[in-house]
Amino acid sequence: MSALTEPAFLVLTALVGEPRHGYGIVREVEELSQGRVHLKIGTLYGVLDRLAGDHLVELDREEAAQGRLRRYYRITDDGAAALRAEAARLTANAGCALARLDAHAAGGTA
């Protein structure tokens, strides 16, 4: 599997632990990114469609709320595995970058 986009990574992370509806995912992504990422609803549903197509998320349930249908999504086992692999890849890349920066700051070559 290819690397996840940042929005896909954050959406999967938002779904770890409990199913969420669209607005709940948007709020959780903002919190996870410390306000840096603001998903628009159109972007969110594009990401969810791609993740569902890859079997990384699935529909959990639908509920009527204030006259509107809310769709709740949950992460699948494949989604959790993809998220774990991407987190490991990002961690390794960050570790490499930090090691080079440390060596550079210490006067070594990077």
PDB file of N, CA and C in Angstrom:
ATOM      1  N   MET A   1       0.844  -1.192   0.000  1.00  0.00           N
ATOM      2  CA  MET A   1       0.000   0.000   0.000  1.00  0.00           C
ATOM      3  C   MET A   1       0.878   1.241   0.000  1.00  0.00           C
ATOM      4  N   SER A   2       0.429   2.263  -0.711  1.00  0.00           N
ATOM      5  CA  SER A   2       1.182   3.503  -0.770  1.00  0.00           C
ATOM      6  C   SER A   2       0.956   4.312   0.505  1.00  0.00           C
ATOM      7  N   ALA A   3       1.777   5.330   0.662  1.00  0.00           N
ATOM      8  CA  ALA A   3       1.678   6.190   1.837  1.00  0.00           C
ATOM      9  C   ALA A   3       0.305   6.860   1.879  1.00  0.00           C
ATOM     10  N   LEU A   4      -0.199   7.056   3.078  1.00  0.00           N
ATOM     11  CA  LEU A   4      -1.473   7.742   3.268  1.00  0.00           C
ATOM     12  C   LEU A   4      -1.262   9.249   3.173  1.00  0.00           C
ATOM     13  N   THR A   5      -2.228   9.945   2.619  1.00  0.00           N
ATOM     14  CA  THR A   5      -2.182  11.405   2.664  1.00  0.00           C
ATOM     15  C   THR A   5      -2.384  11.836   4.120  1.00  0.00           C
ATOM     16  N   GLU A   6      -2.001  13.055   4.426  1.00  0.00           N
ATOM     17  CA  GLU A   6      -2.197  13.540   5.796  1.00  0.00           C
ATOM     18  C   GLU A   6      -3.668  13.526   6.201  1.00  0.00           C
ATOM     19  N   PRO A   7      -4.600  13.996   5.339  1.00  0.00           N
ATOM     20  CA  PRO A   7      -6.007  13.911   5.740  1.00  0.00           C
ATOM     21  C   PRO A   7      -6.455  12.470   6.001  1.00  0.00           C
ATOM     22  N   ALA A   8      -6.049  11.522   5.155  1.00  0.00           N
ATOM     23  CA  ALA A   8      -6.433  10.120   5.352  1.00  0.00           C
ATOM     24  C   ALA A   8      -5.843   9.584   6.655  1.00  0.00           C
ATOM     25  N   PHE A   9      -4.590   9.922   6.925  1.00  0.00           N
ATOM     26  CA  PHE A   9      -3.935   9.502   8.163  1.00  0.00           C
ATOM     27  C   PHE A   9      -4.706  10.026   9.380  1.00  0.00           C
ATOM     28  N   LEU A  10      -5.082  11.288   9.333  1.00  0.00           N
ATOM     29  CA  LEU A  10      -5.786  11.894  10.462  1.00  0.00           C
ATOM     30  C   LEU A  10      -7.211  11.360  10.601  1.00  0.00           C
ATOM     31  N   VAL A  11      -7.887  11.097   9.485  1.00  0.00           N
ATOM     32  CA  VAL A  11      -9.234  10.527   9.554  1.00  0.00           C
ATOM     33  C   VAL A  11      -9.182   9.138  10.172  1.00  0.00           C
ATOM     34  N   LEU A  12      -8.240   8.314   9.732  1.00  0.00           N
ATOM     35  CA  LEU A  12      -8.106   6.980  10.333  1.00  0.00           C
ATOM     36  C   LEU A  12      -7.799   7.090  11.822  1.00  0.00           C
ATOM     37  N   THR A  13      -6.911   7.991  12.173  1.00  0.00           N
ATOM     38  CA  THR A  13      -6.561   8.187  13.587  1.00  0.00           C
ATOM     39  C   THR A  13      -7.789   8.619  14.384  1.00  0.00           C
ATOM     40  N   ALA A  14      -8.614   9.489  13.803  1.00  0.00           N
ATOM     41  CA  ALA A  14      -9.829   9.968  14.476  1.00  0.00           C
ATOM     42  C   ALA A  14     -10.812   8.829  14.733  1.00  0.00           C
ATOM     43  N   LEU A  15     -10.769   7.803  13.888  1.00  0.00           N
ATOM     44  CA  LEU A  15     -11.724   6.698  14.020  1.00  0.00           C
ATOM     45  C   LEU A  15     -11.236   5.579  14.941  1.00  0.00           C
ATOM     46  N   VAL A  16     -10.006   5.664  15.405  1.00  0.00           N
ATOM     47  CA  VAL A  16      -9.513   4.657  16.348  1.00  0.00           C
ATOM     48  C   VAL A  16     -10.265   4.838  17.659  1.00  0.00           C
ATOM     49  N   GLY A  17     -10.837   3.770  18.144  1.00  0.00           N
ATOM     50  CA  GLY A  17     -11.501   3.810  19.446  1.00  0.00           C
ATOM     51  C   GLY A  17     -13.003   3.870  19.388  1.00  0.00           C
ATOM     52  N   GLU A  18     -13.556   4.611  18.416  1.00  0.00           N
ATOM     53  CA  GLU A  18     -15.015   4.694  18.337  1.00  0.00           C
ATOM     54  C   GLU A  18     -15.448   5.191  16.964  1.00  0.00           C
ATOM     55  N   PRO A  19     -16.611   4.738  16.510  1.00  0.00           N
ATOM     56  CA  PRO A  19     -17.164   5.260  15.254  1.00  0.00           C
ATOM     57  C   PRO A  19     -17.542   6.727  15.429  1.00  0.00           C
ATOM     58  N   ARG A  20     -17.462   7.478  14.347  1.00  0.00           N
ATOM     59  CA  ARG A  20     -17.817   8.901  14.383  1.00  0.00           C
ATOM     60  C   ARG A  20     -18.563   9.267  13.100  1.00  0.00           C
ATOM     61  N   HIS A  21     -19.404  10.285  13.199  1.00  0.00           N
ATOM     62  CA  HIS A  21     -20.068  10.840  12.033  1.00  0.00           C
ATOM     63  C   HIS A  21     -19.197  11.954  11.471  1.00  0.00           C
ATOM     64  N   GLY A  22     -19.570  12.462  10.307  1.00  0.00           N
ATOM     65  CA  GLY A  22     -18.741  13.429   9.598  1.00  0.00           C
ATOM     66  C   GLY A  22     -18.271  14.602  10.432  1.00  0.00           C
ATOM     67  N   TYR A  23     -19.202  15.304  11.074  1.00  0.00           N
ATOM     68  CA  TYR A  23     -18.799  16.469  11.855  1.00  0.00           C
ATOM     69  C   TYR A  23     -17.911  16.068  13.031  1.00  0.00           C
ATOM     70  N   GLY A  24     -18.174  14.910  13.619  1.00  0.00           N
ATOM     71  CA  GLY A  24     -17.333  14.415  14.710  1.00  0.00           C
ATOM     72  C   GLY A  24     -15.915  14.130  14.235  1.00  0.00           C
ATOM     73  N   ILE A  25     -15.788  13.614  13.009  1.00  0.00           N
ATOM     74  CA  ILE A  25     -14.457  13.363  12.446  1.00  0.00           C
ATOM     75  C   ILE A  25     -13.736  14.682  12.215  1.00  0.00           C
ATOM     76  N   VAL A  26     -14.441  15.661  11.650  1.00  0.00           N
ATOM     77  CA  VAL A  26     -13.842  16.976  11.397  1.00  0.00           C
ATOM     78  C   VAL A  26     -13.305  17.584  12.689  1.00  0.00           C
ATOM     79  N   ARG A  27     -14.111  17.546  13.739  1.00  0.00           N
ATOM     80  CA  ARG A  27     -13.685  18.100  15.041  1.00  0.00           C
ATOM     81  C   ARG A  27     -12.490  17.339  15.600  1.00  0.00           C
ATOM     82  N   GLU A  28     -12.521  16.013  15.499  1.00  0.00           N
ATOM     83  CA  GLU A  28     -11.423  15.205  16.039  1.00  0.00           C
ATOM     84  C   GLU A  28     -10.124  15.455  15.270  1.00  0.00           C
ATOM     85  N   VAL A  29     -10.212  15.595  13.952  1.00  0.00           N
ATOM     86  CA  VAL A  29      -9.027  15.891  13.148  1.00  0.00           C
ATOM     87  C   VAL A  29      -8.440  17.239  13.551  1.00  0.00           C
ATOM     88  N   GLU A  30      -9.288  18.234  13.766  1.00  0.00           N
ATOM     89  CA  GLU A  30      -8.788  19.537  14.217  1.00  0.00           C
ATOM     90  C   GLU A  30      -8.068  19.410  15.556  1.00  0.00           C
ATOM     91  N   GLU A  31      -8.647  18.624  16.460  1.00  0.00           N
ATOM     92  CA  GLU A  31      -8.022  18.434  17.765  1.00  0.00           C
ATOM     93  C   GLU A  31      -6.701  17.678  17.644  1.00  0.00           C
ATOM     94  N   LEU A  32      -6.695  16.602  16.875  1.00  0.00           N
ATOM     95  CA  LEU A  32      -5.478  15.807  16.698  1.00  0.00           C
ATOM     96  C   LEU A  32      -4.345  16.630  16.088  1.00  0.00           C
ATOM     97  N   SER A  33      -4.702  17.518  15.156  1.00  0.00           N
ATOM     98  CA  SER A  33      -3.689  18.325  14.472  1.00  0.00           C
ATOM     99  C   SER A  33      -3.428  19.645  15.198  1.00  0.00           C
ATOM    100  N   GLN A  34      -4.000  19.803  16.369  1.00  0.00           N
ATOM    101  CA  GLN A  34      -3.863  21.020  17.171  1.00  0.00           C
ATOM    102  C   GLN A  34      -4.272  22.252  16.368  1.00  0.00           C
ATOM    103  N   GLY A  35      -5.373  22.096  15.606  1.00  0.00           N
ATOM    104  CA  GLY A  35      -5.931  23.199  14.854  1.00  0.00           C
ATOM    105  C   GLY A  35      -5.264  23.475  13.521  1.00  0.00           C
ATOM    106  N   ARG A  36      -4.268  22.694  13.165  1.00  0.00           N
ATOM    107  CA  ARG A  36      -3.526  22.927  11.926  1.00  0.00           C
ATOM    108  C   ARG A  36      -4.293  22.468  10.689  1.00  0.00           C
ATOM    109  N   VAL A  37      -5.095  21.397  10.831  1.00  0.00           N
ATOM    110  CA  VAL A  37      -5.828  20.845   9.693  1.00  0.00           C
ATOM    111  C   VAL A  37      -7.320  21.063   9.910  1.00  0.00           C
ATOM    112  N   HIS A  38      -7.940  21.745   8.949  1.00  0.00           N
ATOM    113  CA  HIS A  38      -9.385  22.007   8.967  1.00  0.00           C
ATOM    114  C   HIS A  38      -9.980  21.341   7.728  1.00  0.00           C
ATOM    115  N   LEU A  39     -10.575  20.175   7.911  1.00  0.00           N
ATOM    116  CA  LEU A  39     -11.176  19.471   6.777  1.00  0.00           C
ATOM    117  C   LEU A  39     -12.515  20.090   6.411  1.00  0.00           C
ATOM    118  N   LYS A  40     -12.689  20.383   5.150  1.00  0.00           N
ATOM    119  CA  LYS A  40     -14.000  20.795   4.656  1.00  0.00           C
ATOM    120  C   LYS A  40     -14.822  19.526   4.459  1.00  0.00           C
ATOM    121  N   ILE A  41     -16.124  19.636   4.548  1.00  0.00           N
ATOM    122  CA  ILE A  41     -16.998  18.462   4.452  1.00  0.00           C
ATOM    123  C   ILE A  41     -16.794  17.731   3.123  1.00  0.00           C
ATOM    124  N   GLY A  42     -16.679  18.470   2.021  1.00  0.00           N
ATOM    125  CA  GLY A  42     -16.454  17.835   0.720  1.00  0.00           C
ATOM    126  C   GLY A  42     -15.158  17.042   0.694  1.00  0.00           C
ATOM    127  N   THR A  43     -14.109  17.605   1.276  1.00  0.00           N
ATOM    128  CA  THR A  43     -12.820  16.914   1.358  1.00  0.00           C
ATOM    129  C   THR A  43     -12.952  15.674   2.225  1.00  0.00           C
ATOM    130  N   LEU A  44     -13.621  15.807   3.354  1.00  0.00           N
ATOM    131  CA  LEU A  44     -13.797  14.672   4.265  1.00  0.00           C
ATOM    132  C   LEU A  44     -14.473  13.511   3.556  1.00  0.00           C
ATOM    133  N   TYR A  45     -15.572  13.785   2.868  1.00  0.00           N
ATOM    134  CA  TYR A  45     -16.307  12.688   2.232  1.00  0.00           C
ATOM    135  C   TYR A  45     -15.542  12.099   1.054  1.00  0.00           C
ATOM    136  N   GLY A  46     -14.704  12.888   0.404  1.00  0.00           N
ATOM    137  CA  GLY A  46     -13.810  12.343  -0.621  1.00  0.00           C
ATOM    138  C   GLY A  46     -12.814  11.379  -0.007  1.00  0.00           C
ATOM    139  N   VAL A  47     -12.240  11.772   1.131  1.00  0.00           N
ATOM    140  CA  VAL A  47     -11.292  10.911   1.847  1.00  0.00           C
ATOM    141  C   VAL A  47     -12.001   9.640   2.320  1.00  0.00           C
ATOM    142  N   LEU A  48     -13.182   9.789   2.915  1.00  0.00           N
ATOM    143  CA  LEU A  48     -13.922   8.617   3.395  1.00  0.00           C
ATOM    144  C   LEU A  48     -14.269   7.670   2.249  1.00  0.00           C
ATOM    145  N   ASP A  49     -14.648   8.219   1.099  1.00  0.00           N
ATOM    146  CA  ASP A  49     -14.964   7.369  -0.055  1.00  0.00           C
ATOM    147  C   ASP A  49     -13.740   6.569  -0.491  1.00  0.00           C
ATOM    148  N   ARG A  50     -12.570   7.232  -0.540  1.00  0.00           N
ATOM    149  CA  ARG A  50     -11.348   6.517  -0.932  1.00  0.00           C
ATOM    150  C   ARG A  50     -10.981   5.460   0.102  1.00  0.00           C
ATOM    151  N   LEU A  51     -11.082   5.818   1.385  1.00  0.00           N
ATOM    152  CA  LEU A  51     -10.746   4.851   2.441  1.00  0.00           C
ATOM    153  C   LEU A  51     -11.717   3.670   2.424  1.00  0.00           C
ATOM    154  N   ALA A  52     -12.993   3.941   2.178  1.00  0.00           N
ATOM    155  CA  ALA A  52     -13.979   2.856   2.096  1.00  0.00           C
ATOM    156  C   ALA A  52     -13.695   1.973   0.883  1.00  0.00           C
ATOM    157  N   GLY A  53     -13.328   2.588  -0.239  1.00  0.00           N
ATOM    158  CA  GLY A  53     -12.987   1.830  -1.439  1.00  0.00           C
ATOM    159  C   GLY A  53     -11.794   0.913  -1.233  1.00  0.00           C
ATOM    160  N   ASP A  54     -10.882   1.322  -0.350  1.00  0.00           N
ATOM    161  CA  ASP A  54      -9.701   0.514  -0.017  1.00  0.00           C
ATOM    162  C   ASP A  54      -9.962  -0.411   1.171  1.00  0.00           C
ATOM    163  N   HIS A  55     -11.201  -0.433   1.673  1.00  0.00           N
ATOM    164  CA  HIS A  55     -11.618  -1.277   2.805  1.00  0.00           C
ATOM    165  C   HIS A  55     -10.885  -0.918   4.108  1.00  0.00           C
ATOM    166  N   LEU A  56     -10.556   0.365   4.245  1.00  0.00           N
ATOM    167  CA  LEU A  56      -9.873   0.826   5.462  1.00  0.00           C
ATOM    168  C   LEU A  56     -10.864   1.401   6.469  1.00  0.00           C
ATOM    169  N   VAL A  57     -12.025   1.835   5.993  1.00  0.00           N
ATOM    170  CA  VAL A  57     -13.134   2.251   6.855  1.00  0.00           C
ATOM    171  C   VAL A  57     -14.404   1.632   6.292  1.00  0.00           C
ATOM    172  N   GLU A  58     -15.436   1.579   7.139  1.00  0.00           N
ATOM    173  CA  GLU A  58     -16.734   1.088   6.689  1.00  0.00           C
ATOM    174  C   GLU A  58     -17.830   1.806   7.455  1.00  0.00           C
ATOM    175  N   LEU A  59     -19.013   1.759   6.870  1.00  0.00           N
ATOM    176  CA  LEU A  59     -20.168   2.356   7.524  1.00  0.00           C
ATOM    177  C   LEU A  59     -20.515   1.543   8.765  1.00  0.00           C
ATOM    178  N   ASP A  60     -20.644   2.224   9.890  1.00  0.00           N
ATOM    179  CA  ASP A  60     -21.006   1.568  11.147  1.00  0.00           C
ATOM    180  C   ASP A  60     -22.520   1.550  11.315  1.00  0.00           C
ATOM    181  N   ARG A  61     -23.152   2.724  11.113  1.00  0.00           N
ATOM    182  CA  ARG A  61     -24.597   2.832  11.265  1.00  0.00           C
ATOM    183  C   ARG A  61     -25.048   4.185  10.732  1.00  0.00           C
ATOM    184  N   GLU A  62     -26.353   4.301  10.580  1.00  0.00           N
ATOM    185  CA  GLU A  62     -26.963   5.571  10.209  1.00  0.00           C
ATOM    186  C   GLU A  62     -28.002   5.917  11.258  1.00  0.00           C
ATOM    187  N   GLU A  63     -28.061   7.191  11.638  1.00  0.00           N
ATOM    188  CA  GLU A  63     -29.034   7.660  12.621  1.00  0.00           C
ATOM    189  C   GLU A  63     -29.652   8.958  12.121  1.00  0.00           C
ATOM    190  N   ALA A  64     -30.931   9.128  12.389  1.00  0.00           N
ATOM    191  CA  ALA A  64     -31.590  10.396  12.093  1.00  0.00           C
ATOM    192  C   ALA A  64     -31.362  11.330  13.267  1.00  0.00           C
ATOM    193  N   ALA A  65     -30.888  12.532  12.968  1.00  0.00           N
ATOM    194  CA  ALA A  65     -30.653  13.542  14.009  1.00  0.00           C
ATOM    195  C   ALA A  65     -31.067  14.895  13.458  1.00  0.00           C
ATOM    196  N   GLN A  66     -32.013  15.529  14.105  1.00  0.00           N
ATOM    197  CA  GLN A  66     -32.505  16.854  13.717  1.00  0.00           C
ATOM    198  C   GLN A  66     -32.944  16.860  12.250  1.00  0.00           C
ATOM    199  N   GLY A  67     -33.634  15.789  11.863  1.00  0.00           N
ATOM    200  CA  GLY A  67     -34.162  15.701  10.514  1.00  0.00           C
ATOM    201  C   GLY A  67     -33.149  15.352   9.439  1.00  0.00           C
ATOM    202  N   ARG A  68     -31.916  15.052   9.835  1.00  0.00           N
ATOM    203  CA  ARG A  68     -30.872  14.712   8.874  1.00  0.00           C
ATOM    204  C   ARG A  68     -30.315  13.339   9.205  1.00  0.00           C
ATOM    205  N   LEU A  69     -29.847  12.663   8.190  1.00  0.00           N
ATOM    206  CA  LEU A  69     -29.264  11.346   8.381  1.00  0.00           C
ATOM    207  C   LEU A  69     -27.779  11.491   8.677  1.00  0.00           C
ATOM    208  N   ARG A  70     -27.355  10.939   9.797  1.00  0.00           N
ATOM    209  CA  ARG A  70     -25.933  10.930  10.147  1.00  0.00           C
ATOM    210  C   ARG A  70     -25.374   9.553   9.871  1.00  0.00           C
ATOM    211  N   ARG A  71     -24.284   9.521   9.125  1.00  0.00           N
ATOM    212  CA  ARG A  71     -23.592   8.263   8.864  1.00  0.00           C
ATOM    213  C   ARG A  71     -22.375   8.194   9.767  1.00  0.00           C
ATOM    214  N   TYR A  72     -22.271   7.111  10.501  1.00  0.00           N
ATOM    215  CA  TYR A  72     -21.130   6.870  11.376  1.00  0.00           C
ATOM    216  C   TYR A  72     -20.207   5.882  10.695  1.00  0.00           C
ATOM    217  N   TYR A  73     -18.925   6.190  10.723  1.00  0.00           N
ATOM    218  CA  TYR A  73     -17.907   5.340  10.108  1.00  0.00           C
ATOM    219  C   TYR A  73     -17.011   4.755  11.186  1.00  0.00           C
ATOM    220  N   ARG A  74     -16.464   3.575  10.887  1.00  0.00           N
ATOM    221  CA  ARG A  74     -15.500   2.957  11.804  1.00  0.00           C
ATOM    222  C   ARG A  74     -14.301   2.467  11.000  1.00  0.00           C
ATOM    223  N   ILE A  75     -13.187   2.387  11.667  1.00  0.00           N
ATOM    224  CA  ILE A  75     -11.966   1.877  11.054  1.00  0.00           C
ATOM    225  C   ILE A  75     -12.062   0.350  11.013  1.00  0.00           C
ATOM    226  N   THR A  76     -11.572  -0.252   9.935  1.00  0.00           N
ATOM    227  CA  THR A  76     -11.555  -1.709   9.813  1.00  0.00           C
ATOM    228  C   THR A  76     -10.215  -2.243  10.324  1.00  0.00           C
ATOM    229  N   ASP A  77     -10.102  -3.552  10.416  1.00  0.00           N
ATOM    230  CA  ASP A  77      -8.818  -4.147  10.793  1.00  0.00           C
ATOM    231  C   ASP A  77      -7.739  -3.786   9.775  1.00  0.00           C
ATOM    232  N   ASP A  78      -8.103  -3.788   8.481  1.00  0.00           N
ATOM    233  CA  ASP A  78      -7.141  -3.379   7.450  1.00  0.00           C
ATOM    234  C   ASP A  78      -6.760  -1.911   7.623  1.00  0.00           C
ATOM    235  N   GLY A  79      -7.726  -1.083   8.008  1.00  0.00           N
ATOM    236  CA  GLY A  79      -7.448   0.323   8.244  1.00  0.00           C
ATOM    237  C   GLY A  79      -6.491   0.528   9.410  1.00  0.00           C
ATOM    238  N   ALA A  80      -6.697  -0.244  10.477  1.00  0.00           N
ATOM    239  CA  ALA A  80      -5.797  -0.152  11.634  1.00  0.00           C
ATOM    240  C   ALA A  80      -4.391  -0.596  11.250  1.00  0.00           C
ATOM    241  N   ALA A  81      -4.293  -1.650  10.447  1.00  0.00           N
ATOM    242  CA  ALA A  81      -2.975  -2.124  10.004  1.00  0.00           C
ATOM    243  C   ALA A  81      -2.293  -1.085   9.114  1.00  0.00           C
ATOM    244  N   ALA A  82      -3.060  -0.452   8.215  1.00  0.00           N
ATOM    245  CA  ALA A  82      -2.498   0.586   7.349  1.00  0.00           C
ATOM    246  C   ALA A  82      -2.050   1.793   8.168  1.00  0.00           C
ATOM    247  N   LEU A  83      -2.844   2.171   9.149  1.00  0.00           N
ATOM    248  CA  LEU A  83      -2.489   3.302  10.007  1.00  0.00           C
ATOM    249  C   LEU A  83      -1.233   2.993  10.806  1.00  0.00           C
ATOM    250  N   ARG A  84      -1.129   1.778  11.340  1.00  0.00           N
ATOM    251  CA  ARG A  84       0.059   1.383  12.100  1.00  0.00           C
ATOM    252  C   ARG A  84       1.304   1.410  11.204  1.00  0.00           C
ATOM    253  N   ALA A  85       1.174   0.890   9.988  1.00  0.00           N
ATOM    254  CA  ALA A  85       2.309   0.876   9.054  1.00  0.00           C
ATOM    255  C   ALA A  85       2.733   2.297   8.688  1.00  0.00           C
ATOM    256  N   GLU A  86       1.755   3.171   8.451  1.00  0.00           N
ATOM    257  CA  GLU A  86       2.082   4.558   8.098  1.00  0.00           C
ATOM    258  C   GLU A  86       2.712   5.286   9.280  1.00  0.00           C
ATOM    259  N   ALA A  87       2.220   5.053  10.486  1.00  0.00           N
ATOM    260  CA  ALA A  87       2.815   5.678  11.674  1.00  0.00           C
ATOM    261  C   ALA A  87       4.263   5.211  11.845  1.00  0.00           C
ATOM    262  N   ALA A  88       4.514   3.938  11.601  1.00  0.00           N
ATOM    263  CA  ALA A  88       5.883   3.408  11.704  1.00  0.00           C
ATOM    264  C   ALA A  88       6.780   4.039  10.635  1.00  0.00           C
ATOM    265  N   ARG A  89       6.262   4.179   9.416  1.00  0.00           N
ATOM    266  CA  ARG A  89       7.036   4.788   8.335  1.00  0.00           C
ATOM    267  C   ARG A  89       7.380   6.242   8.655  1.00  0.00           C
ATOM    268  N   LEU A  90       6.387   6.989   9.145  1.00  0.00           N
ATOM    269  CA  LEU A  90       6.633   8.385   9.508  1.00  0.00           C
ATOM    270  C   LEU A  90       7.618   8.507  10.664  1.00  0.00           C
ATOM    271  N   THR A  91       7.499   7.614  11.632  1.00  0.00           N
ATOM    272  CA  THR A  91       8.421   7.620  12.771  1.00  0.00           C
ATOM    273  C   THR A  91       9.853   7.360  12.311  1.00  0.00           C
ATOM    274  N   ALA A  92      10.027   6.387  11.419  1.00  0.00           N
ATOM    275  CA  ALA A  92      11.362   6.072  10.903  1.00  0.00           C
ATOM    276  C   ALA A  92      11.935   7.258  10.129  1.00  0.00           C
ATOM    277  N   ASN A  93      11.103   7.878   9.281  1.00  0.00           N
ATOM    278  CA  ASN A  93      11.574   9.042   8.524  1.00  0.00           C
ATOM    279  C   ASN A  93      11.954  10.195   9.440  1.00  0.00           C
ATOM    280  N   ALA A  94      11.138  10.447  10.458  1.00  0.00           N
ATOM    281  CA  ALA A  94      11.434  11.528  11.400  1.00  0.00           C
ATOM    282  C   ALA A  94      12.717  11.218  12.172  1.00  0.00           C
ATOM    283  N   GLY A  95      12.894   9.968  12.569  1.00  0.00           N
ATOM    284  CA  GLY A  95      14.112   9.575  13.283  1.00  0.00           C
ATOM    285  C   GLY A  95      15.354   9.800  12.444  1.00  0.00           C
ATOM    286  N   CYS A  96      15.271   9.472  11.171  1.00  0.00           N
ATOM    287  CA  CYS A  96      16.396   9.684  10.254  1.00  0.00           C
ATOM    288  C   CYS A  96      16.721  11.171  10.133  1.00  0.00           C
ATOM    289  N   ALA A  97      15.686  11.978   9.947  1.00  0.00           N
ATOM    290  CA  ALA A  97      15.887  13.417   9.815  1.00  0.00           C
ATOM    291  C   ALA A  97      16.490  14.012  11.081  1.00  0.00           C
ATOM    292  N   LEU A  98      15.969  13.589  12.237  1.00  0.00           N
ATOM    293  CA  LEU A  98      16.486  14.125  13.505  1.00  0.00           C
ATOM    294  C   LEU A  98      17.928  13.702  13.736  1.00  0.00           C
ATOM    295  N   ALA A  99      18.270  12.470  13.404  1.00  0.00           N
ATOM    296  CA  ALA A  99      19.654  12.002  13.559  1.00  0.00           C
ATOM    297  C   ALA A  99      20.594  12.830  12.688  1.00  0.00           C
ATOM    298  N   ARG A 100      20.183  13.118  11.471  1.00  0.00           N
ATOM    299  CA  ARG A 100      21.025  13.930  10.584  1.00  0.00           C
ATOM    300  C   ARG A 100      21.150  15.359  11.097  1.00  0.00           C
ATOM    301  N   LEU A 101      20.042  15.917  11.591  1.00  0.00           N
ATOM    302  CA  LEU A 101      20.105  17.273  12.148  1.00  0.00           C
ATOM    303  C   LEU A 101      20.999  17.327  13.381  1.00  0.00           C
ATOM    304  N   ASP A 102      20.914  16.308  14.231  1.00  0.00           N
ATOM    305  CA  ASP A 102      21.776  16.240  15.422  1.00  0.00           C
ATOM    306  C   ASP A 102      23.249  16.165  15.015  1.00  0.00           C
ATOM    307  N   ALA A 103      23.546  15.327  14.018  1.00  0.00           N
ATOM    308  CA  ALA A 103      24.929  15.197  13.561  1.00  0.00           C
ATOM    309  C   ALA A 103      25.415  16.509  12.963  1.00  0.00           C
ATOM    310  N   HIS A 104      24.557  17.174  12.213  1.00  0.00           N
ATOM    311  CA  HIS A 104      24.910  18.451  11.617  1.00  0.00           C
ATOM    312  C   HIS A 104      25.169  19.507  12.696  1.00  0.00           C
ATOM    313  N   ALA A 105      24.302  19.542  13.714  1.00  0.00           N
ATOM    314  CA  ALA A 105      24.463  20.527  14.793  1.00  0.00           C
ATOM    315  C   ALA A 105      25.727  20.264  15.599  1.00  0.00           C
ATOM    316  N   ALA A 106      26.124  18.983  15.676  1.00  0.00           N
ATOM    317  CA  ALA A 106      27.332  18.640  16.426  1.00  0.00           C
ATOM    318  C   ALA A 106      28.600  18.853  15.608  1.00  0.00           C
ATOM    319  N   GLY A 107      28.441  19.336  14.376  1.00  0.00           N
ATOM    320  CA  GLY A 107      29.617  19.625  13.549  1.00  0.00           C
ATOM    321  C   GLY A 107      30.009  18.501  12.635  1.00  0.00           C
ATOM    322  N   GLY A 108      29.235  17.432  12.634  1.00  0.00           N
ATOM    323  CA  GLY A 108      29.514  16.320  11.727  1.00  0.00           C
ATOM    324  C   GLY A 108      28.900  16.584  10.377  1.00  0.00           C
ATOM    325  N   THR A 109      29.055  15.636   9.518  1.00  0.00           N
ATOM    326  CA  THR A 109      28.415  15.751   8.212  1.00  0.00           C
ATOM    327  C   THR A 109      27.099  15.033   8.235  1.00  0.00           C
ATOM    328  N   ALA A 110      26.172  15.507   7.462  1.00  0.00           N
ATOM    329  CA  ALA A 110      24.854  14.887   7.446  1.00  0.00           C
ATOM    330  C   ALA A 110      24.697  13.878   6.366  1.00  0.00           C
TER     331      ALA A 110
END
